[in-house]
C-alpha cells in the first residue's frame, strides 16, 4: 500500500503519465493542423512531443506550433 501511494505522488512541476499522454495527443493534433512548414521543423516538434515531461516543455512546444501556424498564414 505504501508503495502505491509513493508512486502516485508527484512533485510540483511533474506530470503524471496520464497527463503527459493527454498533452501529447493535444499537441500532436495541433501540429497536424500546421501546413506549409518545413519537414525538419515538423520532425523536430514531433521528437520534442515524444520526449516531453514537464509543463515548461509543453508550453514551449505550444508556442512553437503557434508560431508555425502564424507563419503559414502569412504565406
PDB file of N, CA and C in Angstrom:
ATOM      1  N   UNK A   1       0.828  -1.192   0.000  1.00  0.00           N
ATOM      2  CA  UNK A   1       0.000   0.000   0.000  1.00  0.00           C
ATOM      3  C   UNK A   1       0.871   1.253   0.000  1.00  0.00           C
ATOM      4  N   UNK A   2       1.907   1.264   0.800  1.00  0.00           N
ATOM      5  CA  UNK A   2       2.789   2.429   0.886  1.00  0.00           C
ATOM      6  C   UNK A   2       3.462   2.711  -0.449  1.00  0.00           C
ATOM      7  N   UNK A   3       3.850   1.672  -1.185  1.00  0.00           N
ATOM      8  CA  UNK A   3       4.492   1.843  -2.485  1.00  0.00           C
ATOM      9  C   UNK A   3       3.549   2.500  -3.478  1.00  0.00           C
ATOM     10  N   UNK A   4       2.301   2.130  -3.474  1.00  0.00           N
ATOM     11  CA  UNK A   4       1.328   2.717  -4.395  1.00  0.00           C
ATOM     12  C   UNK A   4       1.170   4.204  -4.122  1.00  0.00           C
ATOM     13  N   UNK A   5       1.100   4.581  -2.880  1.00  0.00           N
ATOM     14  CA  UNK A   5       0.971   5.997  -2.515  1.00  0.00           C
ATOM     15  C   UNK A   5       2.194   6.770  -2.984  1.00  0.00           C
ATOM     16  N   UNK A   6       3.375   6.231  -2.806  1.00  0.00           N
ATOM     17  CA  UNK A   6       4.587   6.907  -3.234  1.00  0.00           C
ATOM     18  C   UNK A   6       4.634   7.050  -4.750  1.00  0.00           C
ATOM     19  N   UNK A   7       4.152   6.066  -5.471  1.00  0.00           N
ATOM     20  CA  UNK A   7       4.180   6.115  -6.926  1.00  0.00           C
ATOM     21  C   UNK A   7       3.217   7.148  -7.492  1.00  0.00           C
ATOM     22  N   UNK A   8       2.107   7.421  -6.790  1.00  0.00           N
ATOM     23  CA  UNK A   8       1.125   8.356  -7.319  1.00  0.00           C
ATOM     24  C   UNK A   8       1.420   9.794  -6.923  1.00  0.00           C
ATOM     25  N   UNK A   9       2.285  10.007  -5.945  1.00  0.00           N
ATOM     26  CA  UNK A   9       2.652  11.361  -5.569  1.00  0.00           C
ATOM     27  C   UNK A   9       3.560  11.963  -6.622  1.00  0.00           C
ATOM     28  N   UNK A  10       3.434  13.251  -6.830  1.00  0.00           N
ATOM     29  CA  UNK A  10       4.299  13.905  -7.802  1.00  0.00           C
ATOM     30  C   UNK A  10       4.778  15.221  -7.224  1.00  0.00           C
ATOM     31  N   UNK A  11       5.883  15.691  -7.738  1.00  0.00           N
ATOM     32  CA  UNK A  11       6.413  16.974  -7.315  1.00  0.00           C
ATOM     33  C   UNK A  11       5.635  18.080  -8.019  1.00  0.00           C
ATOM     34  N   UNK A  12       5.851  19.311  -7.617  1.00  0.00           N
ATOM     35  CA  UNK A  12       5.092  20.444  -8.129  1.00  0.00           C
ATOM     36  C   UNK A  12       5.042  20.541  -9.646  1.00  0.00           C
ATOM     37  N   UNK A  13       6.171  20.404 -10.326  1.00  0.00           N
ATOM     38  CA  UNK A  13       6.196  20.590 -11.765  1.00  0.00           C
ATOM     39  C   UNK A  13       6.153  19.300 -12.556  1.00  0.00           C
ATOM     40  N   UNK A  14       6.043  18.175 -11.900  1.00  0.00           N
ATOM     41  CA  UNK A  14       5.998  16.899 -12.600  1.00  0.00           C
ATOM     42  C   UNK A  14       4.562  16.564 -12.981  1.00  0.00           C
ATOM     43  N   UNK A  15       4.417  15.861 -14.078  1.00  0.00           N
ATOM     44  CA  UNK A  15       3.110  15.445 -14.551  1.00  0.00           C
ATOM     45  C   UNK A  15       2.974  13.938 -14.427  1.00  0.00           C
ATOM     46  N   UNK A  16       1.748  13.470 -14.259  1.00  0.00           N
ATOM     47  CA  UNK A  16       1.523  12.028 -14.255  1.00  0.00           C
ATOM     48  C   UNK A  16       1.608  11.527 -15.694  1.00  0.00           C
ATOM     49  N   UNK A  17       1.747  10.233 -15.856  1.00  0.00           N
ATOM     50  CA  UNK A  17       1.809   9.643 -17.202  1.00  0.00           C
ATOM     51  C   UNK A  17       0.528   9.944 -17.978  1.00  0.00           C
ATOM     52  N   UNK A  18      -0.602   9.919 -17.296  1.00  0.00           N
ATOM     53  CA  UNK A  18      -1.881  10.200 -17.946  1.00  0.00           C
ATOM     54  C   UNK A  18      -1.920  11.648 -18.447  1.00  0.00           C
ATOM     55  N   UNK A  19      -1.460  12.589 -17.634  1.00  0.00           N
ATOM     56  CA  UNK A  19      -1.416  13.991 -18.048  1.00  0.00           C
ATOM     57  C   UNK A  19      -0.486  14.180 -19.247  1.00  0.00           C
ATOM     58  N   UNK A  20       0.660  13.536 -19.209  1.00  0.00           N
ATOM     59  CA  UNK A  20       1.619  13.636 -20.313  1.00  0.00           C
ATOM     60  C   UNK A  20       0.985  13.106 -21.597  1.00  0.00           C
ATOM     61  N   UNK A  21       0.328  11.964 -21.515  1.00  0.00           N
ATOM     62  CA  UNK A  21      -0.319  11.380 -22.691  1.00  0.00           C
ATOM     63  C   UNK A  21      -1.387  12.311 -23.243  1.00  0.00           C
ATOM     64  N   UNK A  22      -2.177  12.908 -22.362  1.00  0.00           N
ATOM     65  CA  UNK A  22      -3.219  13.840 -22.794  1.00  0.00           C
ATOM     66  C   UNK A  22      -2.612  15.041 -23.504  1.00  0.00           C
ATOM     67  N   UNK A  23      -1.568  15.617 -22.943  1.00  0.00           N
ATOM     68  CA  UNK A  23      -0.900  16.753 -23.577  1.00  0.00           C
ATOM     69  C   UNK A  23      -0.287  16.359 -24.921  1.00  0.00           C
ATOM     70  N   UNK A  24       0.326  15.187 -24.974  1.00  0.00           N
ATOM     71  CA  UNK A  24       0.938  14.725 -26.222  1.00  0.00           C
ATOM     72  C   UNK A  24      -0.105  14.631 -27.331  1.00  0.00           C
ATOM     73  N   UNK A  25      -1.258  14.055 -27.021  1.00  0.00           N
ATOM     74  CA  UNK A  25      -2.316  13.914 -28.022  1.00  0.00           C
ATOM     75  C   UNK A  25      -2.784  15.279 -28.519  1.00  0.00           C
ATOM     76  N   UNK A  26      -2.957  16.210 -27.603  1.00  0.00           N
ATOM     77  CA  UNK A  26      -3.379  17.553 -27.983  1.00  0.00           C
ATOM     78  C   UNK A  26      -2.347  18.259 -28.847  1.00  0.00           C
ATOM     79  N   UNK A  27      -1.089  18.144 -28.466  1.00  0.00           N
ATOM     80  CA  UNK A  27      -0.022  18.789 -29.232  1.00  0.00           C
ATOM     81  C   UNK A  27       0.126  18.156 -30.619  1.00  0.00           C
ATOM     82  N   UNK A  28      -0.011  16.840 -30.684  1.00  0.00           N
ATOM     83  CA  UNK A  28       0.077  16.164 -31.979  1.00  0.00           C
ATOM     84  C   UNK A  28      -1.050  16.612 -32.896  1.00  0.00           C
ATOM     85  N   UNK A  29      -2.251  16.803 -32.343  1.00  0.00           N
ATOM     86  CA  UNK A  29      -3.368  17.298 -33.149  1.00  0.00           C
ATOM     87  C   UNK A  29      -3.085  18.716 -33.620  1.00  0.00           C
ATOM     88  N   UNK A  30      -2.611  19.567 -32.720  1.00  0.00           N
ATOM     89  CA  UNK A  30      -2.269  20.942 -33.104  1.00  0.00           C
ATOM     90  C   UNK A  30      -1.223  20.950 -34.210  1.00  0.00           C
ATOM     91  N   UNK A  31      -0.253  20.085 -34.088  1.00  0.00           N
ATOM     92  CA  UNK A  31       0.812  20.025 -35.081  1.00  0.00           C
ATOM     93  C   UNK A  31       0.285  19.536 -36.433  1.00  0.00           C
ATOM     94  N   UNK A  32      -0.688  18.634 -36.407  1.00  0.00           N
ATOM     95  CA  UNK A  32      -1.256  18.145 -37.666  1.00  0.00           C
ATOM     96  C   UNK A  32      -2.016  19.242 -38.401  1.00  0.00           C
ATOM     97  N   UNK A  33      -2.410  20.289 -37.705  1.00  0.00           N
ATOM     98  CA  UNK A  33      -3.099  21.423 -38.315  1.00  0.00           C
ATOM     99  C   UNK A  33      -2.142  22.402 -38.982  1.00  0.00           C
ATOM    100  N   UNK A  34      -0.851  22.209 -38.780  1.00  0.00           N
ATOM    101  CA  UNK A  34       0.152  23.109 -39.358  1.00  0.00           C
ATOM    102  C   UNK A  34       0.419  22.687 -40.803  1.00  0.00           C
ATOM    103  N   UNK A  35       0.297  23.648 -41.695  1.00  0.00           N
ATOM    104  CA  UNK A  35       0.552  23.383 -43.112  1.00  0.00           C
ATOM    105  C   UNK A  35       1.639  24.334 -43.593  1.00  0.00           C
ATOM    106  N   UNK A  36       2.322  23.950 -44.623  1.00  0.00           N
ATOM    107  CA  UNK A  36       3.374  24.771 -45.235  1.00  0.00           C
ATOM    108  C   UNK A  36       4.591  24.976 -44.352  1.00  0.00           C
ATOM    109  N   UNK A  37       4.811  24.092 -43.408  1.00  0.00           N
ATOM    110  CA  UNK A  37       6.019  24.186 -42.583  1.00  0.00           C
ATOM    111  C   UNK A  37       7.075  23.242 -43.168  1.00  0.00           C
ATOM    112  N   UNK A  38       8.302  23.543 -42.893  1.00  0.00           N
ATOM    113  CA  UNK A  38       9.392  22.687 -43.364  1.00  0.00           C
ATOM    114  C   UNK A  38       9.332  21.341 -42.650  1.00  0.00           C
ATOM    115  N   UNK A  39       9.672  20.291 -43.395  1.00  0.00           N
ATOM    116  CA  UNK A  39       9.652  18.942 -42.819  1.00  0.00           C
ATOM    117  C   UNK A  39      10.543  18.835 -41.592  1.00  0.00           C
ATOM    118  N   UNK A  40      11.687  19.508 -41.626  1.00  0.00           N
ATOM    119  CA  UNK A  40      12.608  19.426 -40.482  1.00  0.00           C
ATOM    120  C   UNK A  40      12.000  20.070 -39.242  1.00  0.00           C
ATOM    121  N   UNK A  41      11.189  21.119 -39.405  1.00  0.00           N
ATOM    122  CA  UNK A  41      10.525  21.742 -38.258  1.00  0.00           C
ATOM    123  C   UNK A  41       9.481  20.799 -37.668  1.00  0.00           C
ATOM    124  N   UNK A  42       8.715  20.165 -38.544  1.00  0.00           N
ATOM    125  CA  UNK A  42       7.697  19.219 -38.091  1.00  0.00           C
ATOM    126  C   UNK A  42       8.353  18.033 -37.385  1.00  0.00           C
ATOM    127  N   UNK A  43       9.402  17.505 -37.958  1.00  0.00           N
ATOM    128  CA  UNK A  43      10.119  16.369 -37.357  1.00  0.00           C
ATOM    129  C   UNK A  43      10.674  16.755 -35.990  1.00  0.00           C
ATOM    130  N   UNK A  44      11.256  17.933 -35.902  1.00  0.00           N
ATOM    131  CA  UNK A  44      11.802  18.418 -34.625  1.00  0.00           C
ATOM    132  C   UNK A  44      10.701  18.473 -33.562  1.00  0.00           C
ATOM    133  N   UNK A  45       9.568  19.049 -33.912  1.00  0.00           N
ATOM    134  CA  UNK A  45       8.487  19.161 -32.931  1.00  0.00           C
ATOM    135  C   UNK A  45       7.906  17.802 -32.563  1.00  0.00           C
ATOM    136  N   UNK A  46       7.816  16.893 -33.514  1.00  0.00           N
ATOM    137  CA  UNK A  46       7.329  15.549 -33.199  1.00  0.00           C
ATOM    138  C   UNK A  46       8.256  14.871 -32.192  1.00  0.00           C
ATOM    139  N   UNK A  47       9.560  15.047 -32.373  1.00  0.00           N
ATOM    140  CA  UNK A  47      10.527  14.477 -31.419  1.00  0.00           C
ATOM    141  C   UNK A  47      10.391  15.122 -30.048  1.00  0.00           C
ATOM    142  N   UNK A  48      10.199  16.433 -30.030  1.00  0.00           N
ATOM    143  CA  UNK A  48      10.017  17.139 -28.759  1.00  0.00           C
ATOM    144  C   UNK A  48       8.767  16.642 -28.040  1.00  0.00           C
ATOM    145  N   UNK A  49       7.684  16.469 -28.787  1.00  0.00           N
ATOM    146  CA  UNK A  49       6.436  15.989 -28.193  1.00  0.00           C
ATOM    147  C   UNK A  49       6.635  14.591 -27.613  1.00  0.00           C
ATOM    148  N   UNK A  50       7.307  13.744 -28.346  1.00  0.00           N
ATOM    149  CA  UNK A  50       7.529  12.371 -27.899  1.00  0.00           C
ATOM    150  C   UNK A  50       8.300  12.321 -26.577  1.00  0.00           C
ATOM    151  N   UNK A  51       9.201  13.271 -26.361  1.00  0.00           N
ATOM    152  CA  UNK A  51      10.067  13.243 -25.180  1.00  0.00           C
ATOM    153  C   UNK A  51       9.664  14.200 -24.070  1.00  0.00           C
ATOM    154  N   UNK A  52       8.533  14.854 -24.197  1.00  0.00           N
ATOM    155  CA  UNK A  52       8.193  15.860 -23.187  1.00  0.00           C
ATOM    156  C   UNK A  52       7.876  15.248 -21.835  1.00  0.00           C
ATOM    157  N   UNK A  53       8.204  16.005 -20.788  1.00  0.00           N
ATOM    158  CA  UNK A  53       7.984  15.524 -19.426  1.00  0.00           C
ATOM    159  C   UNK A  53       7.514  16.624 -18.468  1.00  0.00           C
ATOM    160  N   UNK A  54       7.701  17.882 -18.822  1.00  0.00           N
ATOM    161  CA  UNK A  54       7.355  18.963 -17.901  1.00  0.00           C
ATOM    162  C   UNK A  54       6.394  19.950 -18.533  1.00  0.00           C
ATOM    163  N   UNK A  55       5.755  20.731 -17.679  1.00  0.00           N
ATOM    164  CA  UNK A  55       4.828  21.757 -18.147  1.00  0.00           C
ATOM    165  C   UNK A  55       5.549  22.820 -18.976  1.00  0.00           C
ATOM    166  N   UNK A  56       6.766  23.119 -18.621  1.00  0.00           N
ATOM    167  CA  UNK A  56       7.555  24.111 -19.360  1.00  0.00           C
ATOM    168  C   UNK A  56       7.778  23.629 -20.791  1.00  0.00           C
ATOM    169  N   UNK A  57       8.127  22.363 -20.940  1.00  0.00           N
ATOM    170  CA  UNK A  57       8.318  21.806 -22.285  1.00  0.00           C
ATOM    171  C   UNK A  57       7.027  21.864 -23.097  1.00  0.00           C
ATOM    172  N   UNK A  58       5.910  21.578 -22.456  1.00  0.00           N
ATOM    173  CA  UNK A  58       4.607  21.624 -23.131  1.00  0.00           C
ATOM    174  C   UNK A  58       4.325  23.027 -23.641  1.00  0.00           C
ATOM    175  N   UNK A  59       4.530  24.010 -22.793  1.00  0.00           N
ATOM    176  CA  UNK A  59       4.264  25.400 -23.190  1.00  0.00           C
ATOM    177  C   UNK A  59       5.223  25.866 -24.283  1.00  0.00           C
ATOM    178  N   UNK A  60       6.448  25.411 -24.238  1.00  0.00           N
ATOM    179  CA  UNK A  60       7.416  25.762 -25.284  1.00  0.00           C
ATOM    180  C   UNK A  60       6.982  25.195 -26.627  1.00  0.00           C
ATOM    181  N   UNK A  61       6.556  23.939 -26.636  1.00  0.00           N
ATOM    182  CA  UNK A  61       6.103  23.312 -27.878  1.00  0.00           C
ATOM    183  C   UNK A  61       4.840  23.990 -28.388  1.00  0.00           C
ATOM    184  N   UNK A  62       3.913  24.315 -27.473  1.00  0.00           N
ATOM    185  CA  UNK A  62       2.697  25.032 -27.882  1.00  0.00           C
ATOM    186  C   UNK A  62       3.046  26.342 -28.583  1.00  0.00           C
ATOM    187  N   UNK A  63       3.991  27.061 -28.027  1.00  0.00           N
ATOM    188  CA  UNK A  63       4.396  28.348 -28.607  1.00  0.00           C
ATOM    189  C   UNK A  63       5.019  28.137 -29.988  1.00  0.00           C
ATOM    190  N   UNK A  64       5.841  27.109 -30.132  1.00  0.00           N
ATOM    191  CA  UNK A  64       6.466  26.828 -31.431  1.00  0.00           C
ATOM    192  C   UNK A  64       5.420  26.467 -32.479  1.00  0.00           C
ATOM    193  N   UNK A  65       4.431  25.657 -32.102  1.00  0.00           N
ATOM    194  CA  UNK A  65       3.356  25.290 -33.033  1.00  0.00           C
ATOM    195  C   UNK A  65       2.553  26.530 -33.419  1.00  0.00           C
ATOM    196  N   UNK A  66       2.248  27.353 -32.446  1.00  0.00           N
ATOM    197  CA  UNK A  66       1.508  28.591 -32.715  1.00  0.00           C
ATOM    198  C   UNK A  66       2.281  29.463 -33.703  1.00  0.00           C
ATOM    199  N   UNK A  67       3.567  29.599 -33.483  1.00  0.00           N
ATOM    200  CA  UNK A  67       4.392  30.411 -34.386  1.00  0.00           C
ATOM    201  C   UNK A  67       4.418  29.841 -35.808  1.00  0.00           C
ATOM    202  N   UNK A  68       4.484  28.529 -35.922  1.00  0.00           N
ATOM    203  CA  UNK A  68       4.447  27.909 -37.243  1.00  0.00           C
ATOM    204  C   UNK A  68       3.113  28.179 -37.943  1.00  0.00           C
ATOM    205  N   UNK A  69       2.024  28.119 -37.180  1.00  0.00           N
ATOM    206  CA  UNK A  69       0.709  28.405 -37.760  1.00  0.00           C
ATOM    207  C   UNK A  69       0.646  29.850 -38.242  1.00  0.00           C
ATOM    208  N   UNK A  70       1.170  30.767 -37.463  1.00  0.00           N
ATOM    209  CA  UNK A  70       1.156  32.173 -37.848  1.00  0.00           C
ATOM    210  C   UNK A  70       1.984  32.412 -39.115  1.00  0.00           C
ATOM    211  N   UNK A  71       3.148  31.780 -39.194  1.00  0.00           N
ATOM    212  CA  UNK A  71       3.988  31.904 -40.377  1.00  0.00           C
ATOM    213  C   UNK A  71       3.298  31.343 -41.615  1.00  0.00           C
ATOM    214  N   UNK A  72       2.617  30.217 -41.437  1.00  0.00           N
ATOM    215  CA  UNK A  72       1.915  29.587 -42.555  1.00  0.00           C
ATOM    216  C   UNK A  72       0.778  30.469 -43.062  1.00  0.00           C
ATOM    217  N   UNK A  73       0.106  31.167 -42.170  1.00  0.00           N
ATOM    218  CA  UNK A  73      -0.990  32.046 -42.559  1.00  0.00           C
ATOM    219  C   UNK A  73      -0.494  33.267 -43.339  1.00  0.00           C
ATOM    220  N   UNK A  74       0.737  33.675 -43.091  1.00  0.00           N
ATOM    221  CA  UNK A  74       1.289  34.850 -43.760  1.00  0.00           C
ATOM    222  C   UNK A  74       1.674  34.550 -45.197  1.00  0.00           C
ATOM    223  N   UNK A  75       1.833  33.277 -45.530  1.00  0.00           N
ATOM    224  CA  UNK A  75       2.255  32.907 -46.890  1.00  0.00           C
ATOM    225  C   UNK A  75       1.112  33.014 -47.875  1.00  0.00           C
TER     226      UNK A  75
END
